[in-house]
Amino acid sequence: MNDIVDLFLQLTDKFPSLEILLDVPDRTLGGSVWSLDVLTPGHHLAVMWSVTKGFGIAFRDEHLYGEGADEVYKTVDETYERCSQILNGWLQ
């Protein structure tokens, strides 16, 4: 298991009612970036991960595709804490 799978499992455990999707890169096409999408009513949290770069989180409502991450984290623990904070804020 890698870090983003660990994050996926932690988030699905904490937020079982949310739609959380994990996208595995196609290695036959040279893909190395994993993505995780959390969909809430009115919001979208996107997490990108690679072994070499760590985690990037995009969550601003005005975020445009291709802009890059709003925040960057190295560890799964930091990323989990920040994602939980954002999601708890949205769900209140």
PDB file of N, CA and C in Angstrom:
ATOM      1  N   MET A   1       0.853  -1.180   0.000  1.00  0.00           N
ATOM      2  CA  MET A   1       0.000   0.000   0.000  1.00  0.00           C
ATOM      3  C   MET A   1       0.894   1.236   0.000  1.00  0.00           C
ATOM      4  N   ASN A   2       0.496   2.241  -0.785  1.00  0.00           N
ATOM      5  CA  ASN A   2       1.258   3.490  -0.812  1.00  0.00           C
ATOM      6  C   ASN A   2       0.501   4.571  -0.019  1.00  0.00           C
ATOM      7  N   ASP A   3       1.084   5.772   0.048  1.00  0.00           N
ATOM      8  CA  ASP A   3       0.533   6.836   0.876  1.00  0.00           C
ATOM      9  C   ASP A   3      -0.857   7.298   0.449  1.00  0.00           C
ATOM     10  N   ILE A   4      -1.127   7.379  -0.835  1.00  0.00           N
ATOM     11  CA  ILE A   4      -2.451   7.875  -1.239  1.00  0.00           C
ATOM     12  C   ILE A   4      -3.541   6.821  -1.016  1.00  0.00           C
ATOM     13  N   VAL A   5      -3.198   5.569  -1.116  1.00  0.00           N
ATOM     14  CA  VAL A   5      -4.163   4.520  -0.768  1.00  0.00           C
ATOM     15  C   VAL A   5      -4.451   4.591   0.729  1.00  0.00           C
ATOM     16  N   ASP A   6      -3.427   4.827   1.535  1.00  0.00           N
ATOM     17  CA  ASP A   6      -3.604   5.007   2.975  1.00  0.00           C
ATOM     18  C   ASP A   6      -4.526   6.196   3.251  1.00  0.00           C
ATOM     19  N   LEU A   7      -4.299   7.321   2.566  1.00  0.00           N
ATOM     20  CA  LEU A   7      -5.153   8.494   2.717  1.00  0.00           C
ATOM     21  C   LEU A   7      -6.591   8.171   2.316  1.00  0.00           C
ATOM     22  N   PHE A   8      -6.764   7.504   1.196  1.00  0.00           N
ATOM     23  CA  PHE A   8      -8.093   7.096   0.726  1.00  0.00           C
ATOM     24  C   PHE A   8      -8.825   6.278   1.789  1.00  0.00           C
ATOM     25  N   LEU A   9      -8.160   5.304   2.366  1.00  0.00           N
ATOM     26  CA  LEU A   9      -8.780   4.451   3.382  1.00  0.00           C
ATOM     27  C   LEU A   9      -9.142   5.246   4.636  1.00  0.00           C
ATOM     28  N   GLN A  10      -8.270   6.147   5.054  1.00  0.00           N
ATOM     29  CA  GLN A  10      -8.552   6.967   6.230  1.00  0.00           C
ATOM     30  C   GLN A  10      -9.753   7.889   5.993  1.00  0.00           C
ATOM     31  N   LEU A  11      -9.793   8.526   4.831  1.00  0.00           N
ATOM     32  CA  LEU A  11     -10.892   9.440   4.534  1.00  0.00           C
ATOM     33  C   LEU A  11     -12.223   8.715   4.357  1.00  0.00           C
ATOM     34  N   THR A  12     -12.212   7.550   3.707  1.00  0.00           N
ATOM     35  CA  THR A  12     -13.464   6.799   3.541  1.00  0.00           C
ATOM     36  C   THR A  12     -13.961   6.277   4.882  1.00  0.00           C
ATOM     37  N   ASP A  13     -13.042   6.002   5.806  1.00  0.00           N
ATOM     38  CA  ASP A  13     -13.428   5.561   7.144  1.00  0.00           C
ATOM     39  C   ASP A  13     -14.043   6.716   7.927  1.00  0.00           C
ATOM     40  N   LYS A  14     -13.443   7.899   7.842  1.00  0.00           N
ATOM     41  CA  LYS A  14     -13.925   9.054   8.602  1.00  0.00           C
ATOM     42  C   LYS A  14     -15.173   9.691   7.984  1.00  0.00           C
ATOM     43  N   PHE A  15     -15.284   9.654   6.656  1.00  0.00           N
ATOM     44  CA  PHE A  15     -16.393  10.294   5.947  1.00  0.00           C
ATOM     45  C   PHE A  15     -17.109   9.270   5.054  1.00  0.00           C
ATOM     46  N   PRO A  16     -17.765   8.271   5.649  1.00  0.00           N
ATOM     47  CA  PRO A  16     -18.357   7.196   4.838  1.00  0.00           C
ATOM     48  C   PRO A  16     -19.499   7.637   3.924  1.00  0.00           C
ATOM     49  N   SER A  17     -20.110   8.780   4.214  1.00  0.00           N
ATOM     50  CA  SER A  17     -21.241   9.221   3.391  1.00  0.00           C
ATOM     51  C   SER A  17     -20.806  10.001   2.148  1.00  0.00           C
ATOM     52  N   LEU A  18     -19.527  10.342   2.057  1.00  0.00           N
ATOM     53  CA  LEU A  18     -19.050  11.130   0.916  1.00  0.00           C
ATOM     54  C   LEU A  18     -18.596  10.237  -0.230  1.00  0.00           C
ATOM     55  N   GLU A  19     -18.718  10.750  -1.435  1.00  0.00           N
ATOM     56  CA  GLU A  19     -18.199  10.050  -2.610  1.00  0.00           C
ATOM     57  C   GLU A  19     -16.709  10.374  -2.718  1.00  0.00           C
ATOM     58  N   ILE A  20     -15.878   9.347  -2.565  1.00  0.00           N
ATOM     59  CA  ILE A  20     -14.432   9.517  -2.619  1.00  0.00           C
ATOM     60  C   ILE A  20     -13.893   8.564  -3.677  1.00  0.00           C
ATOM     61  N   LEU A  21     -13.248   9.125  -4.685  1.00  0.00           N
ATOM     62  CA  LEU A  21     -12.781   8.352  -5.830  1.00  0.00           C
ATOM     63  C   LEU A  21     -11.266   8.363  -5.896  1.00  0.00           C
ATOM     64  N   LEU A  22     -10.677   7.220  -6.133  1.00  0.00           N
ATOM     65  CA  LEU A  22      -9.221   7.096  -6.273  1.00  0.00           C
ATOM     66  C   LEU A  22      -8.902   6.701  -7.702  1.00  0.00           C
ATOM     67  N   ASP A  23      -8.049   7.478  -8.350  1.00  0.00           N
ATOM     68  CA  ASP A  23      -7.666   7.218  -9.734  1.00  0.00           C
ATOM     69  C   ASP A  23      -6.206   6.779  -9.777  1.00  0.00           C
ATOM     70  N   VAL A  24      -5.999   5.567 -10.258  1.00  0.00           N
ATOM     71  CA  VAL A  24      -4.660   4.987 -10.359  1.00  0.00           C
ATOM     72  C   VAL A  24      -4.077   5.334 -11.727  1.00  0.00           C
ATOM     73  N   PRO A  25      -2.817   5.798 -11.775  1.00  0.00           N
ATOM     74  CA  PRO A  25      -2.233   6.159 -13.074  1.00  0.00           C
ATOM     75  C   PRO A  25      -2.014   4.934 -13.959  1.00  0.00           C
ATOM     76  N   ASP A  26      -2.114   5.149 -15.242  1.00  0.00           N
ATOM     77  CA  ASP A  26      -1.863   4.089 -16.214  1.00  0.00           C
ATOM     78  C   ASP A  26      -0.358   4.024 -16.473  1.00  0.00           C
ATOM     79  N   ARG A  27       0.281   3.061 -15.872  1.00  0.00           N
ATOM     80  CA  ARG A  27       1.751   2.939 -15.976  1.00  0.00           C
ATOM     81  C   ARG A  27       2.201   2.593 -17.397  1.00  0.00           C
ATOM     82  N   THR A  28       1.304   1.983 -18.184  1.00  0.00           N
ATOM     83  CA  THR A  28       1.683   1.650 -19.559  1.00  0.00           C
ATOM     84  C   THR A  28       1.844   2.912 -20.397  1.00  0.00           C
ATOM     85  N   LEU A  29       1.230   4.016 -19.942  1.00  0.00           N
ATOM     86  CA  LEU A  29       1.346   5.292 -20.643  1.00  0.00           C
ATOM     87  C   LEU A  29       2.342   6.224 -19.958  1.00  0.00           C
ATOM     88  N   GLY A  30       3.074   5.692 -18.981  1.00  0.00           N
ATOM     89  CA  GLY A  30       4.080   6.488 -18.282  1.00  0.00           C
ATOM     90  C   GLY A  30       3.535   7.306 -17.135  1.00  0.00           C
ATOM     91  N   GLY A  31       2.311   7.034 -16.710  1.00  0.00           N
ATOM     92  CA  GLY A  31       1.700   7.792 -15.617  1.00  0.00           C
ATOM     93  C   GLY A  31       2.333   7.473 -14.270  1.00  0.00           C
ATOM     94  N   SER A  32       2.494   8.494 -13.445  1.00  0.00           N
ATOM     95  CA  SER A  32       3.042   8.283 -12.108  1.00  0.00           C
ATOM     96  C   SER A  32       2.310   9.096 -11.046  1.00  0.00           C
ATOM     97  N   VAL A  33       1.308   9.883 -11.440  1.00  0.00           N
ATOM     98  CA  VAL A  33       0.580  10.724 -10.495  1.00  0.00           C
ATOM     99  C   VAL A  33      -0.785  10.098 -10.217  1.00  0.00           C
ATOM    100  N   TRP A  34      -1.038   9.858  -8.944  1.00  0.00           N
ATOM    101  CA  TRP A  34      -2.319   9.345  -8.496  1.00  0.00           C
ATOM    102  C   TRP A  34      -3.211  10.531  -8.148  1.00  0.00           C
ATOM    103  N   SER A  35      -4.523  10.345  -8.247  1.00  0.00           N
ATOM    104  CA  SER A  35      -5.429  11.411  -7.841  1.00  0.00           C
ATOM    105  C   SER A  35      -6.577  10.850  -7.011  1.00  0.00           C
ATOM    106  N   LEU A  36      -7.037  11.687  -6.101  1.00  0.00           N
ATOM    107  CA  LEU A  36      -8.134  11.342  -5.219  1.00  0.00           C
ATOM    108  C   LEU A  36      -9.108  12.520  -5.237  1.00  0.00           C
ATOM    109  N   ASP A  37     -10.380  12.248  -5.445  1.00  0.00           N
ATOM    110  CA  ASP A  37     -11.398  13.292  -5.499  1.00  0.00           C
ATOM    111  C   ASP A  37     -12.443  13.027  -4.432  1.00  0.00           C
ATOM    112  N   VAL A  38     -12.735  14.066  -3.650  1.00  0.00           N
ATOM    113  CA  VAL A  38     -13.787  13.994  -2.641  1.00  0.00           C
ATOM    114  C   VAL A  38     -14.874  14.972  -3.069  1.00  0.00           C
ATOM    115  N   LEU A  39     -16.073  14.444  -3.252  1.00  0.00           N
ATOM    116  CA  LEU A  39     -17.196  15.258  -3.712  1.00  0.00           C
ATOM    117  C   LEU A  39     -18.179  15.470  -2.570  1.00  0.00           C
ATOM    118  N   THR A  40     -18.444  16.739  -2.271  1.00  0.00           N
ATOM    119  CA  THR A  40     -19.439  17.092  -1.266  1.00  0.00           C
ATOM    120  C   THR A  40     -20.459  17.992  -1.950  1.00  0.00           C
ATOM    121  N   PRO A  41     -21.616  18.173  -1.348  1.00  0.00           N
ATOM    122  CA  PRO A  41     -22.595  19.091  -1.945  1.00  0.00           C
ATOM    123  C   PRO A  41     -22.001  20.497  -2.068  1.00  0.00           C
ATOM    124  N   GLY A  42     -21.777  20.921  -3.294  1.00  0.00           N
ATOM    125  CA  GLY A  42     -21.282  22.262  -3.539  1.00  0.00           C
ATOM    126  C   GLY A  42     -19.780  22.451  -3.524  1.00  0.00           C
ATOM    127  N   HIS A  43     -19.019  21.393  -3.240  1.00  0.00           N
ATOM    128  CA  HIS A  43     -17.556  21.528  -3.160  1.00  0.00           C
ATOM    129  C   HIS A  43     -16.856  20.301  -3.754  1.00  0.00           C
ATOM    130  N   HIS A  44     -15.592  20.508  -4.105  1.00  0.00           N
ATOM    131  CA  HIS A  44     -14.759  19.439  -4.648  1.00  0.00           C
ATOM    132  C   HIS A  44     -13.355  19.580  -4.073  1.00  0.00           C
ATOM    133  N   LEU A  45     -12.880  18.534  -3.435  1.00  0.00           N
ATOM    134  CA  LEU A  45     -11.522  18.483  -2.911  1.00  0.00           C
ATOM    135  C   LEU A  45     -10.738  17.504  -3.776  1.00  0.00           C
ATOM    136  N   ALA A  46      -9.650  17.974  -4.368  1.00  0.00           N
ATOM    137  CA  ALA A  46      -8.817  17.111  -5.215  1.00  0.00           C
ATOM    138  C   ALA A  46      -7.434  16.985  -4.585  1.00  0.00           C
ATOM    139  N   VAL A  47      -6.935  15.762  -4.549  1.00  0.00           N
ATOM    140  CA  VAL A  47      -5.596  15.495  -4.024  1.00  0.00           C
ATOM    141  C   VAL A  47      -4.817  14.752  -5.096  1.00  0.00           C
ATOM    142  N   MET A  48      -3.638  15.271  -5.407  1.00  0.00           N
ATOM    143  CA  MET A  48      -2.731  14.595  -6.338  1.00  0.00           C
ATOM    144  C   MET A  48      -1.541  14.084  -5.517  1.00  0.00           C
ATOM    145  N   TRP A  49      -0.965  12.955  -5.920  1.00  0.00           N
ATOM    146  CA  TRP A  49       0.159  12.395  -5.174  1.00  0.00           C
ATOM    147  C   TRP A  49       1.131  11.706  -6.118  1.00  0.00           C
ATOM    148  N   SER A  50       2.409  11.902  -5.854  1.00  0.00           N
ATOM    149  CA  SER A  50       3.452  11.114  -6.513  1.00  0.00           C
ATOM    150  C   SER A  50       4.526  10.808  -5.482  1.00  0.00           C
ATOM    151  N   VAL A  51       5.229   9.735  -5.686  1.00  0.00           N
ATOM    152  CA  VAL A  51       6.279   9.319  -4.754  1.00  0.00           C
ATOM    153  C   VAL A  51       7.320  10.417  -4.587  1.00  0.00           C
ATOM    154  N   THR A  52       7.672  11.083  -5.661  1.00  0.00           N
ATOM    155  CA  THR A  52       8.750  12.073  -5.608  1.00  0.00           C
ATOM    156  C   THR A  52       8.320  13.449  -5.117  1.00  0.00           C
ATOM    157  N   LYS A  53       7.052  13.823  -5.324  1.00  0.00           N
ATOM    158  CA  LYS A  53       6.621  15.182  -4.985  1.00  0.00           C
ATOM    159  C   LYS A  53       5.702  15.276  -3.777  1.00  0.00           C
ATOM    160  N   GLY A  54       5.171  14.168  -3.308  1.00  0.00           N
ATOM    161  CA  GLY A  54       4.250  14.201  -2.189  1.00  0.00           C
ATOM    162  C   GLY A  54       2.841  14.554  -2.632  1.00  0.00           C
ATOM    163  N   PHE A  55       2.109  15.279  -1.762  1.00  0.00           N
ATOM    164  CA  PHE A  55       0.695  15.568  -1.962  1.00  0.00           C
ATOM    165  C   PHE A  55       0.453  17.018  -2.347  1.00  0.00           C
ATOM    166  N   GLY A  56      -0.449  17.228  -3.275  1.00  0.00           N
ATOM    167  CA  GLY A  56      -0.944  18.561  -3.602  1.00  0.00           C
ATOM    168  C   GLY A  56      -2.449  18.558  -3.428  1.00  0.00           C
ATOM    169  N   ILE A  57      -2.968  19.574  -2.736  1.00  0.00           N
ATOM    170  CA  ILE A  57      -4.397  19.659  -2.483  1.00  0.00           C
ATOM    171  C   ILE A  57      -4.960  20.882  -3.199  1.00  0.00           C
ATOM    172  N   ALA A  58      -6.063  20.689  -3.915  1.00  0.00           N
ATOM    173  CA  ALA A  58      -6.788  21.794  -4.556  1.00  0.00           C
ATOM    174  C   ALA A  58      -8.213  21.774  -4.004  1.00  0.00           C
ATOM    175  N   PHE A  59      -8.647  22.914  -3.459  1.00  0.00           N
ATOM    176  CA  PHE A  59      -9.959  22.936  -2.827  1.00  0.00           C
ATOM    177  C   PHE A  59     -10.714  24.247  -2.993  1.00  0.00           C
ATOM    178  N   ARG A  60     -10.084  25.273  -3.491  1.00  0.00           N
ATOM    179  CA  ARG A  60     -10.782  26.557  -3.652  1.00  0.00           C
ATOM    180  C   ARG A  60     -11.902  26.411  -4.670  1.00  0.00           C
ATOM    181  N   ASP A  61     -13.049  26.991  -4.357  1.00  0.00           N
ATOM    182  CA  ASP A  61     -14.194  26.911  -5.272  1.00  0.00           C
ATOM    183  C   ASP A  61     -13.890  27.540  -6.624  1.00  0.00           C
ATOM    184  N   GLU A  62     -13.047  28.567  -6.641  1.00  0.00           N
ATOM    185  CA  GLU A  62     -12.715  29.244  -7.892  1.00  0.00           C
ATOM    186  C   GLU A  62     -11.489  28.635  -8.587  1.00  0.00           C
ATOM    187  N   HIS A  63     -11.011  27.496  -8.088  1.00  0.00           N
ATOM    188  CA  HIS A  63      -9.839  26.834  -8.662  1.00  0.00           C
ATOM    189  C   HIS A  63     -10.156  26.355 -10.083  1.00  0.00           C
ATOM    190  N   LEU A  64      -9.267  26.627 -10.990  1.00  0.00           N
ATOM    191  CA  LEU A  64      -9.443  26.191 -12.378  1.00  0.00           C
ATOM    192  C   LEU A  64      -8.559  24.990 -12.679  1.00  0.00           C
ATOM    193  N   TYR A  65      -9.028  24.118 -13.533  1.00  0.00           N
ATOM    194  CA  TYR A  65      -8.265  22.938 -13.930  1.00  0.00           C
ATOM    195  C   TYR A  65      -6.908  23.365 -14.475  1.00  0.00           C
ATOM    196  N   GLY A  66      -5.852  22.705 -13.999  1.00  0.00           N
ATOM    197  CA  GLY A  66      -4.506  22.978 -14.491  1.00  0.00           C
ATOM    198  C   GLY A  66      -3.749  24.033 -13.714  1.00  0.00           C
ATOM    199  N   GLU A  67      -4.380  24.658 -12.726  1.00  0.00           N
ATOM    200  CA  GLU A  67      -3.720  25.710 -11.949  1.00  0.00           C
ATOM    201  C   GLU A  67      -2.669  25.192 -10.980  1.00  0.00           C
ATOM    202  N   GLY A  68      -2.720  23.941 -10.654  1.00  0.00           N
ATOM    203  CA  GLY A  68      -1.793  23.408  -9.654  1.00  0.00           C
ATOM    204  C   GLY A  68      -2.435  23.405  -8.285  1.00  0.00           C
ATOM    205  N   ALA A  69      -1.683  22.947  -7.317  1.00  0.00           N
ATOM    206  CA  ALA A  69      -2.200  22.775  -5.965  1.00  0.00           C
ATOM    207  C   ALA A  69      -2.319  24.093  -5.217  1.00  0.00           C
ATOM    208  N   ASP A  70      -3.309  24.138  -4.321  1.00  0.00           N
ATOM    209  CA  ASP A  70      -3.438  25.268  -3.404  1.00  0.00           C
ATOM    210  C   ASP A  70      -2.454  25.123  -2.249  1.00  0.00           C
ATOM    211  N   GLU A  71      -2.215  23.890  -1.840  1.00  0.00           N
ATOM    212  CA  GLU A  71      -1.307  23.599  -0.733  1.00  0.00           C
ATOM    213  C   GLU A  71      -0.565  22.303  -1.042  1.00  0.00           C
ATOM    214  N   VAL A  72       0.642  22.173  -0.491  1.00  0.00           N
ATOM    215  CA  VAL A  72       1.474  20.990  -0.729  1.00  0.00           C
ATOM    216  C   VAL A  72       1.927  20.434   0.619  1.00  0.00           C
ATOM    217  N   TYR A  73       1.889  19.108   0.743  1.00  0.00           N
ATOM    218  CA  TYR A  73       2.302  18.418   1.967  1.00  0.00           C
ATOM    219  C   TYR A  73       3.170  17.218   1.606  1.00  0.00           C
ATOM    220  N   LYS A  74       4.081  16.878   2.496  1.00  0.00           N
ATOM    221  CA  LYS A  74       4.988  15.746   2.258  1.00  0.00           C
ATOM    222  C   LYS A  74       4.457  14.429   2.807  1.00  0.00           C
ATOM    223  N   THR A  75       3.729  14.484   3.933  1.00  0.00           N
ATOM    224  CA  THR A  75       3.338  13.227   4.578  1.00  0.00           C
ATOM    225  C   THR A  75       1.841  12.974   4.488  1.00  0.00           C
ATOM    226  N   VAL A  76       1.475  11.714   4.613  1.00  0.00           N
ATOM    227  CA  VAL A  76       0.069  11.327   4.599  1.00  0.00           C
ATOM    228  C   VAL A  76      -0.630  11.872   5.839  1.00  0.00           C
ATOM    229  N   ASP A  77       0.054  11.924   6.973  1.00  0.00           N
ATOM    230  CA  ASP A  77      -0.565  12.425   8.199  1.00  0.00           C
ATOM    231  C   ASP A  77      -0.934  13.902   8.078  1.00  0.00           C
ATOM    232  N   GLU A  78      -0.025  14.704   7.564  1.00  0.00           N
ATOM    233  CA  GLU A  78      -0.310  16.131   7.353  1.00  0.00           C
ATOM    234  C   GLU A  78      -1.472  16.317   6.378  1.00  0.00           C
ATOM    235  N   THR A  79      -1.454  15.546   5.323  1.00  0.00           N
ATOM    236  CA  THR A  79      -2.484  15.652   4.285  1.00  0.00           C
ATOM    237  C   THR A  79      -3.841  15.226   4.831  1.00  0.00           C
ATOM    238  N   TYR A  80      -3.862  14.148   5.586  1.00  0.00           N
ATOM    239  CA  TYR A  80      -5.111  13.678   6.191  1.00  0.00           C
ATOM    240  C   TYR A  80      -5.681  14.737   7.129  1.00  0.00           C
ATOM    241  N   GLU A  81      -4.846  15.315   7.971  1.00  0.00           N
ATOM    242  CA  GLU A  81      -5.312  16.339   8.910  1.00  0.00           C
ATOM    243  C   GLU A  81      -5.894  17.540   8.172  1.00  0.00           C
ATOM    244  N   ARG A  82      -5.215  17.995   7.123  1.00  0.00           N
ATOM    245  CA  ARG A  82      -5.701  19.166   6.380  1.00  0.00           C
ATOM    246  C   ARG A  82      -6.979  18.844   5.611  1.00  0.00           C
ATOM    247  N   CYS A  83      -7.039  17.686   4.974  1.00  0.00           N
ATOM    248  CA  CYS A  83      -8.253  17.291   4.257  1.00  0.00           C
ATOM    249  C   CYS A  83      -9.432  17.184   5.222  1.00  0.00           C
ATOM    250  N   SER A  84      -9.202  16.592   6.384  1.00  0.00           N
ATOM    251  CA  SER A  84     -10.262  16.465   7.385  1.00  0.00           C
ATOM    252  C   SER A  84     -10.752  17.832   7.839  1.00  0.00           C
ATOM    253  N   GLN A  85      -9.824  18.753   8.039  1.00  0.00           N
ATOM    254  CA  GLN A  85     -10.173  20.110   8.454  1.00  0.00           C
ATOM    255  C   GLN A  85     -11.051  20.788   7.390  1.00  0.00           C
ATOM    256  N   ILE A  86     -10.647  20.688   6.139  1.00  0.00           N
ATOM    257  CA  ILE A  86     -11.413  21.291   5.048  1.00  0.00           C
ATOM    258  C   ILE A  86     -12.804  20.663   4.952  1.00  0.00           C
ATOM    259  N   LEU A  87     -12.863  19.339   4.962  1.00  0.00           N
ATOM    260  CA  LEU A  87     -14.140  18.646   4.809  1.00  0.00           C
ATOM    261  C   LEU A  87     -15.069  18.912   5.989  1.00  0.00           C
ATOM    262  N   ASN A  88     -14.549  18.909   7.200  1.00  0.00           N
ATOM    263  CA  ASN A  88     -15.379  19.209   8.370  1.00  0.00           C
ATOM    264  C   ASN A  88     -15.968  20.618   8.253  1.00  0.00           C
ATOM    265  N   GLY A  89     -15.193  21.556   7.765  1.00  0.00           N
ATOM    266  CA  GLY A  89     -15.682  22.924   7.562  1.00  0.00           C
ATOM    267  C   GLY A  89     -16.808  22.980   6.538  1.00  0.00           C
ATOM    268  N   TRP A  90     -16.682  22.232   5.472  1.00  0.00           N
ATOM    269  CA  TRP A  90     -17.706  22.215   4.439  1.00  0.00           C
ATOM    270  C   TRP A  90     -18.995  21.540   4.902  1.00  0.00           C
ATOM    271  N   LEU A  91     -18.855  20.549   5.766  1.00  0.00           N
ATOM    272  CA  LEU A  91     -20.013  19.748   6.162  1.00  0.00           C
ATOM    273  C   LEU A  91     -20.799  20.338   7.337  1.00  0.00           C
ATOM    274  N   GLN A  92     -20.308  21.413   7.908  1.00  0.00           N
ATOM    275  CA  GLN A  92     -21.015  22.026   9.033  1.00  0.00           C
ATOM    276  C   GLN A  92     -22.119  22.924   8.556  1.00  0.00           C
TER     277      GLN A  92
END
